[in-house]
PDB file of all heavy atoms in Angstrom:
ATOM      1  N   LEU A   1       1.794   7.816  -4.449  1.00  0.00           N
ATOM      2  CA  LEU A   1       2.498   7.511  -5.695  1.00  0.00           C
ATOM      3  C   LEU A   1       3.920   7.751  -5.536  1.00  0.00           C
ATOM      4  O   LEU A   1       4.821   6.834  -5.928  1.00  0.00           O
ATOM      5  CB  LEU A   1       2.026   8.392  -6.813  1.00  0.00           C
ATOM      6  CG  LEU A   1       0.675   8.129  -7.425  1.00  0.00           C
ATOM      7  CD1 LEU A   1       0.235   9.020  -8.473  1.00  0.00           C
ATOM      8  CD2 LEU A   1       0.632   6.637  -8.018  1.00  0.00           C
ATOM      9  N   VAL A   2       4.403   8.768  -4.829  1.00  0.00           N
ATOM     10  CA  VAL A   2       5.823   8.928  -4.552  1.00  0.00           C
ATOM     11  C   VAL A   2       6.368   7.877  -3.701  1.00  0.00           C
ATOM     12  O   VAL A   2       7.528   7.293  -4.001  1.00  0.00           O
ATOM     13  CB  VAL A   2       6.053  10.286  -3.977  1.00  0.00           C
ATOM     14  CG1 VAL A   2       7.520  10.444  -3.531  1.00  0.00           C
ATOM     15  CG2 VAL A   2       5.718  11.442  -4.932  1.00  0.00           C
ATOM     16  N   ASP A   3       5.700   7.401  -2.721  1.00  0.00           N
ATOM     17  CA  ASP A   3       6.029   6.197  -1.947  1.00  0.00           C
ATOM     18  C   ASP A   3       6.279   4.972  -2.815  1.00  0.00           C
ATOM     19  O   ASP A   3       7.283   4.335  -2.686  1.00  0.00           O
ATOM     20  CB  ASP A   3       4.972   5.921  -1.001  1.00  0.00           C
ATOM     21  CG  ASP A   3       5.076   6.430   0.494  1.00  0.00           C
ATOM     22  OD1 ASP A   3       6.088   7.145   0.613  1.00  0.00           O
ATOM     23  OD2 ASP A   3       4.207   6.241   1.248  1.00  0.00           O
ATOM     24  N   SER A   4       5.398   4.769  -3.784  1.00  0.00           N
ATOM     25  CA  SER A   4       5.518   3.660  -4.623  1.00  0.00           C
ATOM     26  C   SER A   4       6.888   3.819  -5.544  1.00  0.00           C
ATOM     27  O   SER A   4       7.423   2.760  -5.747  1.00  0.00           O
ATOM     28  CB  SER A   4       4.387   3.573  -5.528  1.00  0.00           C
ATOM     29  OG  SER A   4       3.180   3.270  -4.786  1.00  0.00           O
ATOM     30  N   ILE A   5       7.129   4.949  -5.955  1.00  0.00           N
ATOM     31  CA  ILE A   5       8.272   5.181  -6.820  1.00  0.00           C
ATOM     32  C   ILE A   5       9.584   4.902  -5.989  1.00  0.00           C
ATOM     33  O   ILE A   5      10.488   4.102  -6.432  1.00  0.00           O
ATOM     34  CB  ILE A   5       8.343   6.604  -7.320  1.00  0.00           C
ATOM     35  CG1 ILE A   5       7.241   6.874  -8.372  1.00  0.00           C
ATOM     36  CG2 ILE A   5       9.699   6.901  -7.986  1.00  0.00           C
ATOM     37  CD1 ILE A   5       7.072   8.243  -8.819  1.00  0.00           C
ATOM     38  N   PHE A   6       9.685   5.416  -4.763  1.00  0.00           N
ATOM     39  CA  PHE A   6      10.851   5.201  -3.931  1.00  0.00           C
ATOM     40  C   PHE A   6      10.978   3.713  -3.545  1.00  0.00           C
ATOM     41  O   PHE A   6      12.103   3.045  -3.654  1.00  0.00           O
ATOM     42  CB  PHE A   6      10.777   6.027  -2.653  1.00  0.00           C
ATOM     43  CG  PHE A   6      11.034   7.382  -2.825  1.00  0.00           C
ATOM     44  CD1 PHE A   6      10.203   8.385  -2.365  1.00  0.00           C
ATOM     45  CD2 PHE A   6      12.318   7.848  -3.454  1.00  0.00           C
ATOM     46  CE1 PHE A   6      10.531   9.661  -2.564  1.00  0.00           C
ATOM     47  CE2 PHE A   6      12.574   9.150  -3.677  1.00  0.00           C
ATOM     48  CZ  PHE A   6      11.689  10.089  -3.206  1.00  0.00           C
ATOM     49  N   ILE A   7       9.832   3.091  -3.173  1.00  0.00           N
ATOM     50  CA  ILE A   7       9.814   1.686  -2.832  1.00  0.00           C
ATOM     51  C   ILE A   7      10.181   0.786  -4.034  1.00  0.00           C
ATOM     52  O   ILE A   7      10.871  -0.281  -3.864  1.00  0.00           O
ATOM     53  CB  ILE A   7       8.563   1.267  -2.194  1.00  0.00           C
ATOM     54  CG1 ILE A   7       8.355   1.951  -0.811  1.00  0.00           C
ATOM     55  CG2 ILE A   7       8.464  -0.310  -1.960  1.00  0.00           C
ATOM     56  CD1 ILE A   7       6.875   1.791  -0.136  1.00  0.00           C
ATOM     57  N   GLY A   8       9.804   1.189  -5.243  1.00  0.00           N
ATOM     58  CA  GLY A   8      10.045   0.479  -6.448  1.00  0.00           C
ATOM     59  C   GLY A   8      11.574   0.435  -6.654  1.00  0.00           C
ATOM     60  O   GLY A   8      11.981  -0.611  -7.327  1.00  0.00           O
ATOM     61  N   GLN A   9      12.286   1.350  -6.247  1.00  0.00           N
ATOM     62  CA  GLN A   9      13.740   1.316  -6.394  1.00  0.00           C
ATOM     63  C   GLN A   9      14.382   0.347  -5.491  1.00  0.00           C
ATOM     64  O   GLN A   9      15.585  -0.039  -5.738  1.00  0.00           O
ATOM     65  CB  GLN A   9      14.310   2.713  -6.159  1.00  0.00           C
ATOM     66  CG  GLN A   9      13.691   3.863  -6.950  1.00  0.00           C
ATOM     67  CD  GLN A   9      13.571   3.537  -8.410  1.00  0.00           C
ATOM     68  OE1 GLN A   9      14.470   3.169  -9.109  1.00  0.00           O
ATOM     69  NE2 GLN A   9      12.263   3.625  -8.923  1.00  0.00           N
ATOM     70  N   LEU A  10      13.708  -0.141  -4.476  1.00  0.00           N
ATOM     71  CA  LEU A  10      14.278  -1.146  -3.582  1.00  0.00           C
ATOM     72  C   LEU A  10      14.246  -2.609  -4.151  1.00  0.00           C
ATOM     73  O   LEU A  10      14.943  -3.479  -3.642  1.00  0.00           O
ATOM     74  CB  LEU A  10      13.513  -1.128  -2.219  1.00  0.00           C
ATOM     75  CG  LEU A  10      13.654   0.095  -1.336  1.00  0.00           C
ATOM     76  CD1 LEU A  10      12.673   0.071  -0.192  1.00  0.00           C
ATOM     77  CD2 LEU A  10      15.014   0.440  -0.931  1.00  0.00           C
ATOM     78  N   GLY A  11      13.429  -2.754  -5.239  1.00  0.00           N
ATOM     79  CA  GLY A  11      13.311  -4.123  -5.854  1.00  0.00           C
ATOM     80  C   GLY A  11      11.894  -4.648  -5.860  1.00  0.00           C
ATOM     81  O   GLY A  11      10.968  -3.973  -5.409  1.00  0.00           O
ATOM     82  N   ARG A  12      11.838  -5.882  -6.513  1.00  0.00           N
ATOM     83  CA  ARG A  12      10.455  -6.444  -6.590  1.00  0.00           C
ATOM     84  C   ARG A  12       9.834  -6.906  -5.315  1.00  0.00           C
ATOM     85  O   ARG A  12       8.623  -6.715  -5.054  1.00  0.00           O
ATOM     86  CB  ARG A  12      10.575  -7.562  -7.629  1.00  0.00           C
ATOM     87  CG  ARG A  12       9.217  -8.254  -7.975  1.00  0.00           C
ATOM     88  CD  ARG A  12       9.374  -9.305  -8.915  1.00  0.00           C
ATOM     89  NE  ARG A  12      10.099 -10.360  -8.396  1.00  0.00           N
ATOM     90  CZ  ARG A  12      10.383 -11.506  -9.192  1.00  0.00           C
ATOM     91  NH1 ARG A  12      10.027 -11.561 -10.446  1.00  0.00           N
ATOM     92  NH2 ARG A  12      11.006 -12.576  -8.671  1.00  0.00           N
ATOM     93  N   ASP A  13      10.590  -7.454  -4.442  1.00  0.00           N
ATOM     94  CA  ASP A  13       9.981  -8.017  -3.174  1.00  0.00           C
ATOM     95  C   ASP A  13       9.341  -6.848  -2.248  1.00  0.00           C
ATOM     96  O   ASP A  13       8.275  -7.045  -1.756  1.00  0.00           O
ATOM     97  CB  ASP A  13      11.029  -8.837  -2.363  1.00  0.00           C
ATOM     98  CG  ASP A  13      11.326 -10.206  -3.001  1.00  0.00           C
ATOM     99  OD1 ASP A  13      10.562 -10.456  -3.981  1.00  0.00           O
ATOM    100  OD2 ASP A  13      12.213 -10.883  -2.636  1.00  0.00           O
ATOM    101  N   PRO A  14      10.131  -5.740  -2.012  1.00  0.00           N
ATOM    102  CA  PRO A  14       9.469  -4.741  -1.203  1.00  0.00           C
ATOM    103  C   PRO A  14       8.216  -4.193  -1.911  1.00  0.00           C
ATOM    104  O   PRO A  14       7.212  -3.864  -1.209  1.00  0.00           O
ATOM    105  CB  PRO A  14      10.571  -3.630  -1.219  1.00  0.00           C
ATOM    106  CG  PRO A  14      11.831  -4.412  -1.372  1.00  0.00           C
ATOM    107  CD  PRO A  14      11.542  -5.466  -2.260  1.00  0.00           C
ATOM    108  N   LEU A  15       8.229  -4.064  -3.196  1.00  0.00           N
ATOM    109  CA  LEU A  15       7.037  -3.612  -3.969  1.00  0.00           C
ATOM    110  C   LEU A  15       5.826  -4.587  -3.784  1.00  0.00           C
ATOM    111  O   LEU A  15       4.778  -4.204  -3.652  1.00  0.00           O
ATOM    112  CB  LEU A  15       7.368  -3.466  -5.397  1.00  0.00           C
ATOM    113  CG  LEU A  15       6.460  -2.496  -6.264  1.00  0.00           C
ATOM    114  CD1 LEU A  15       6.522  -1.096  -5.587  1.00  0.00           C
ATOM    115  CD2 LEU A  15       6.985  -2.437  -7.622  1.00  0.00           C
ATOM    116  N   ALA A  16       6.185  -5.860  -3.890  1.00  0.00           N
ATOM    117  CA  ALA A  16       5.147  -6.929  -3.708  1.00  0.00           C
ATOM    118  C   ALA A  16       4.579  -6.842  -2.257  1.00  0.00           C
ATOM    119  O   ALA A  16       3.401  -6.967  -2.060  1.00  0.00           O
ATOM    120  CB  ALA A  16       5.693  -8.287  -3.952  1.00  0.00           C
ATOM    121  N   ALA A  17       5.460  -6.684  -1.223  1.00  0.00           N
ATOM    122  CA  ALA A  17       5.010  -6.548   0.235  1.00  0.00           C
ATOM    123  C   ALA A  17       4.044  -5.342   0.259  1.00  0.00           C
ATOM    124  O   ALA A  17       3.040  -5.327   0.993  1.00  0.00           O
ATOM    125  CB  ALA A  17       6.310  -6.360   0.987  1.00  0.00           C
ATOM    126  N   LEU A  18       4.427  -4.292  -0.429  1.00  0.00           N
ATOM    127  CA  LEU A  18       3.533  -3.107  -0.351  1.00  0.00           C
ATOM    128  C   LEU A  18       2.176  -3.431  -1.010  1.00  0.00           C
ATOM    129  O   LEU A  18       1.146  -2.978  -0.554  1.00  0.00           O
ATOM    130  CB  LEU A  18       4.267  -1.920  -1.104  1.00  0.00           C
ATOM    131  CG  LEU A  18       3.454  -0.613  -1.178  1.00  0.00           C
ATOM    132  CD1 LEU A  18       3.361  -0.038   0.147  1.00  0.00           C
ATOM    133  CD2 LEU A  18       4.103   0.323  -2.162  1.00  0.00           C
ATOM    134  N   GLY A  19       2.204  -4.184  -2.101  1.00  0.00           N
ATOM    135  CA  GLY A  19       0.995  -4.601  -2.842  1.00  0.00           C
ATOM    136  C   GLY A  19       0.090  -5.428  -1.865  1.00  0.00           C
ATOM    137  O   GLY A  19      -1.198  -5.249  -1.999  1.00  0.00           O
ATOM    138  N   PHE A  20       0.638  -6.270  -1.020  1.00  0.00           N
ATOM    139  CA  PHE A  20      -0.249  -7.009  -0.143  1.00  0.00           C
ATOM    140  C   PHE A  20      -0.956  -6.231   0.952  1.00  0.00           C
ATOM    141  O   PHE A  20      -1.801  -6.730   1.588  1.00  0.00           O
ATOM    142  CB  PHE A  20       0.580  -8.114   0.418  1.00  0.00           C
ATOM    143  CG  PHE A  20       0.717  -9.414  -0.541  1.00  0.00           C
ATOM    144  CD1 PHE A  20       2.028  -9.624  -0.992  1.00  0.00           C
ATOM    145  CD2 PHE A  20      -0.373 -10.131  -0.857  1.00  0.00           C
ATOM    146  CE1 PHE A  20       2.113 -10.776  -1.902  1.00  0.00           C
ATOM    147  CE2 PHE A  20      -0.235 -11.193  -1.611  1.00  0.00           C
ATOM    148  CZ  PHE A  20       1.049 -11.554  -2.181  1.00  0.00           C
ATOM    149  N   THR A  21      -0.434  -5.020   1.132  1.00  0.00           N
ATOM    150  CA  THR A  21      -1.036  -4.172   2.142  1.00  0.00           C
ATOM    151  C   THR A  21      -2.225  -3.291   1.561  1.00  0.00           C
ATOM    152  O   THR A  21      -3.052  -2.829   2.423  1.00  0.00           O
ATOM    153  CB  THR A  21      -0.071  -3.070   2.764  1.00  0.00           C
ATOM    154  OG1 THR A  21       0.295  -2.164   1.749  1.00  0.00           O
ATOM    155  CG2 THR A  21       1.183  -3.856   3.275  1.00  0.00           C
ATOM    156  N   VAL A  22      -2.362  -3.268   0.306  1.00  0.00           N
ATOM    157  CA  VAL A  22      -3.338  -2.493  -0.377  1.00  0.00           C
ATOM    158  C   VAL A  22      -4.856  -2.798   0.116  1.00  0.00           C
ATOM    159  O   VAL A  22      -5.619  -2.042   0.571  1.00  0.00           O
ATOM    160  CB  VAL A  22      -3.288  -2.547  -1.871  1.00  0.00           C
ATOM    161  CG1 VAL A  22      -4.521  -1.824  -2.489  1.00  0.00           C
ATOM    162  CG2 VAL A  22      -2.146  -1.856  -2.321  1.00  0.00           C
ATOM    163  N   PRO A  23      -5.222  -4.194   0.153  1.00  0.00           N
ATOM    164  CA  PRO A  23      -6.529  -4.612   0.717  1.00  0.00           C
ATOM    165  C   PRO A  23      -6.738  -4.173   2.095  1.00  0.00           C
ATOM    166  O   PRO A  23      -7.814  -3.721   2.529  1.00  0.00           O
ATOM    167  CB  PRO A  23      -6.560  -6.041   0.470  1.00  0.00           C
ATOM    168  CG  PRO A  23      -5.581  -6.374  -0.604  1.00  0.00           C
ATOM    169  CD  PRO A  23      -4.528  -5.351  -0.420  1.00  0.00           C
ATOM    170  N   MET A  24      -5.661  -4.236   2.967  1.00  0.00           N
ATOM    171  CA  MET A  24      -5.861  -3.908   4.344  1.00  0.00           C
ATOM    172  C   MET A  24      -5.945  -2.413   4.490  1.00  0.00           C
ATOM    173  O   MET A  24      -6.721  -1.952   5.417  1.00  0.00           O
ATOM    174  CB  MET A  24      -4.523  -4.382   5.163  1.00  0.00           C
ATOM    175  CG  MET A  24      -4.272  -5.893   4.979  1.00  0.00           C
ATOM    176  SD  MET A  24      -5.717  -6.865   5.521  1.00  0.00           S
ATOM    177  CE  MET A  24      -6.255  -7.439   3.867  1.00  0.00           C
ATOM    178  N   GLN A  25      -5.258  -1.701   3.646  1.00  0.00           N
ATOM    179  CA  GLN A  25      -5.432  -0.242   3.642  1.00  0.00           C
ATOM    180  C   GLN A  25      -6.769   0.249   3.301  1.00  0.00           C
ATOM    181  O   GLN A  25      -7.430   1.114   3.973  1.00  0.00           O
ATOM    182  CB  GLN A  25      -4.399   0.323   2.757  1.00  0.00           C
ATOM    183  CG  GLN A  25      -4.307   1.914   2.770  1.00  0.00           C
ATOM    184  CD  GLN A  25      -3.249   2.520   1.853  1.00  0.00           C
ATOM    185  OE1 GLN A  25      -2.740   1.801   1.078  1.00  0.00           O
ATOM    186  NE2 GLN A  25      -2.935   3.816   2.037  1.00  0.00           N
ATOM    187  N   GLN A  26      -7.350  -0.463   2.387  1.00  0.00           N
ATOM    188  CA  GLN A  26      -8.773  -0.133   1.984  1.00  0.00           C
ATOM    189  C   GLN A  26      -9.780  -0.484   3.050  1.00  0.00           C
ATOM    190  O   GLN A  26     -10.777   0.158   3.240  1.00  0.00           O
ATOM    191  CB  GLN A  26      -9.116  -0.956   0.717  1.00  0.00           C
ATOM    192  CG  GLN A  26      -8.466  -0.387  -0.617  1.00  0.00           C
ATOM    193  CD  GLN A  26      -8.748  -1.105  -1.814  1.00  0.00           C
ATOM    194  OE1 GLN A  26      -8.970  -2.329  -1.729  1.00  0.00           O
ATOM    195  NE2 GLN A  26      -8.743  -0.521  -2.824  1.00  0.00           N
ATOM    196  N   LEU A  27      -9.463  -1.501   3.860  1.00  0.00           N
ATOM    197  CA  LEU A  27     -10.246  -1.849   4.972  1.00  0.00           C
ATOM    198  C   LEU A  27     -10.369  -0.792   6.003  1.00  0.00           C
ATOM    199  O   LEU A  27     -11.416  -0.392   6.510  1.00  0.00           O
ATOM    200  CB  LEU A  27      -9.780  -3.205   5.605  1.00  0.00           C
ATOM    201  CG  LEU A  27     -10.622  -3.756   6.745  1.00  0.00           C
ATOM    202  CD1 LEU A  27     -11.926  -4.300   6.205  1.00  0.00           C
ATOM    203  CD2 LEU A  27      -9.761  -4.981   7.363  1.00  0.00           C
ATOM    204  N   ILE A  28      -9.154  -0.224   6.315  1.00  0.00           N
ATOM    205  CA  ILE A  28      -9.009   0.876   7.332  1.00  0.00           C
ATOM    206  C   ILE A  28      -9.687   2.068   6.800  1.00  0.00           C
ATOM    207  O   ILE A  28     -10.401   2.845   7.443  1.00  0.00           O
ATOM    208  CB  ILE A  28      -7.522   1.024   7.560  1.00  0.00           C
ATOM    209  CG1 ILE A  28      -6.939  -0.113   8.262  1.00  0.00           C
ATOM    210  CG2 ILE A  28      -7.380   2.309   8.584  1.00  0.00           C
ATOM    211  CD1 ILE A  28      -5.419  -0.131   8.234  1.00  0.00           C
ATOM    212  N   ILE A  29      -9.546   2.451   5.542  1.00  0.00           N
ATOM    213  CA  ILE A  29     -10.156   3.552   4.899  1.00  0.00           C
ATOM    214  C   ILE A  29     -11.673   3.400   4.955  1.00  0.00           C
ATOM    215  O   ILE A  29     -12.441   4.373   5.138  1.00  0.00           O
ATOM    216  CB  ILE A  29      -9.587   3.709   3.479  1.00  0.00           C
ATOM    217  CG1 ILE A  29      -8.171   4.230   3.481  1.00  0.00           C
ATOM    218  CG2 ILE A  29     -10.476   4.772   2.786  1.00  0.00           C
ATOM    219  CD1 ILE A  29      -7.531   4.271   2.166  1.00  0.00           C
ATOM    220  N   GLY A  30     -12.207   2.190   4.763  1.00  0.00           N
ATOM    221  CA  GLY A  30     -13.619   1.897   4.771  1.00  0.00           C
ATOM    222  C   GLY A  30     -14.131   2.246   6.124  1.00  0.00           C
ATOM    223  O   GLY A  30     -15.224   2.949   6.233  1.00  0.00           O
ATOM    224  N   LEU A  31     -13.423   1.952   7.212  1.00  0.00           N
ATOM    225  CA  LEU A  31     -13.865   2.338   8.551  1.00  0.00           C
ATOM    226  C   LEU A  31     -13.889   3.744   8.695  1.00  0.00           C
ATOM    227  O   LEU A  31     -14.895   4.445   9.214  1.00  0.00           O
ATOM    228  CB  LEU A  31     -12.986   1.696   9.578  1.00  0.00           C
ATOM    229  CG  LEU A  31     -13.086   2.153  11.066  1.00  0.00           C
ATOM    230  CD1 LEU A  31     -14.467   1.767  11.627  1.00  0.00           C
ATOM    231  CD2 LEU A  31     -11.973   1.567  11.908  1.00  0.00           C
ATOM    232  N   GLN A  32     -12.878   4.489   8.319  1.00  0.00           N
ATOM    233  CA  GLN A  32     -12.750   5.951   8.418  1.00  0.00           C
ATOM    234  C   GLN A  32     -13.859   6.677   7.717  1.00  0.00           C
ATOM    235  O   GLN A  32     -14.550   7.530   8.161  1.00  0.00           O
ATOM    236  CB  GLN A  32     -11.417   6.397   7.909  1.00  0.00           C
ATOM    237  CG  GLN A  32     -10.279   5.960   8.595  1.00  0.00           C
ATOM    238  CD  GLN A  32      -8.847   6.319   7.936  1.00  0.00           C
ATOM    239  OE1 GLN A  32      -7.851   5.786   8.199  1.00  0.00           O
ATOM    240  NE2 GLN A  32      -9.019   7.205   6.973  1.00  0.00           N
ATOM    241  N   VAL A  33     -14.029   6.249   6.382  1.00  0.00           N
ATOM    242  CA  VAL A  33     -15.057   6.906   5.660  1.00  0.00           C
ATOM    243  C   VAL A  33     -16.529   6.674   6.091  1.00  0.00           C
ATOM    244  O   VAL A  33     -17.374   7.593   6.142  1.00  0.00           O
ATOM    245  CB  VAL A  33     -14.979   6.470   4.131  1.00  0.00           C
ATOM    246  CG1 VAL A  33     -16.044   7.131   3.200  1.00  0.00           C
ATOM    247  CG2 VAL A  33     -13.580   6.895   3.601  1.00  0.00           C
ATOM    248  N   GLY A  34     -16.728   5.451   6.472  1.00  0.00           N
ATOM    249  CA  GLY A  34     -18.124   5.110   7.038  1.00  0.00           C
ATOM    250  C   GLY A  34     -18.410   6.007   8.244  1.00  0.00           C
ATOM    251  O   GLY A  34     -19.559   6.531   8.368  1.00  0.00           O
ATOM    252  N   LEU A  35     -17.442   6.154   9.172  1.00  0.00           N
ATOM    253  CA  LEU A  35     -17.762   6.896  10.329  1.00  0.00           C
ATOM    254  C   LEU A  35     -17.811   8.401   9.942  1.00  0.00           C
ATOM    255  O   LEU A  35     -18.511   9.250  10.533  1.00  0.00           O
ATOM    256  CB  LEU A  35     -16.562   6.770  11.398  1.00  0.00           C
ATOM    257  CG  LEU A  35     -16.728   7.455  12.720  1.00  0.00           C
ATOM    258  CD1 LEU A  35     -18.052   7.118  13.289  1.00  0.00           C
ATOM    259  CD2 LEU A  35     -15.736   7.129  13.651  1.00  0.00           C
TER     260      LEU A  35
END
C-alpha cells in the first residue's frame, strides 16, 4: 500500500503501469502458494 501511495505521487501513467503488473504478480504468488 505504501508503494502505491509513493507511486501515485509520480502521476497517472506510473500508477497504470503498476496496475498492469497486478495479474502477473498474482500468477507468481499462485506458484509460490501452490508449492
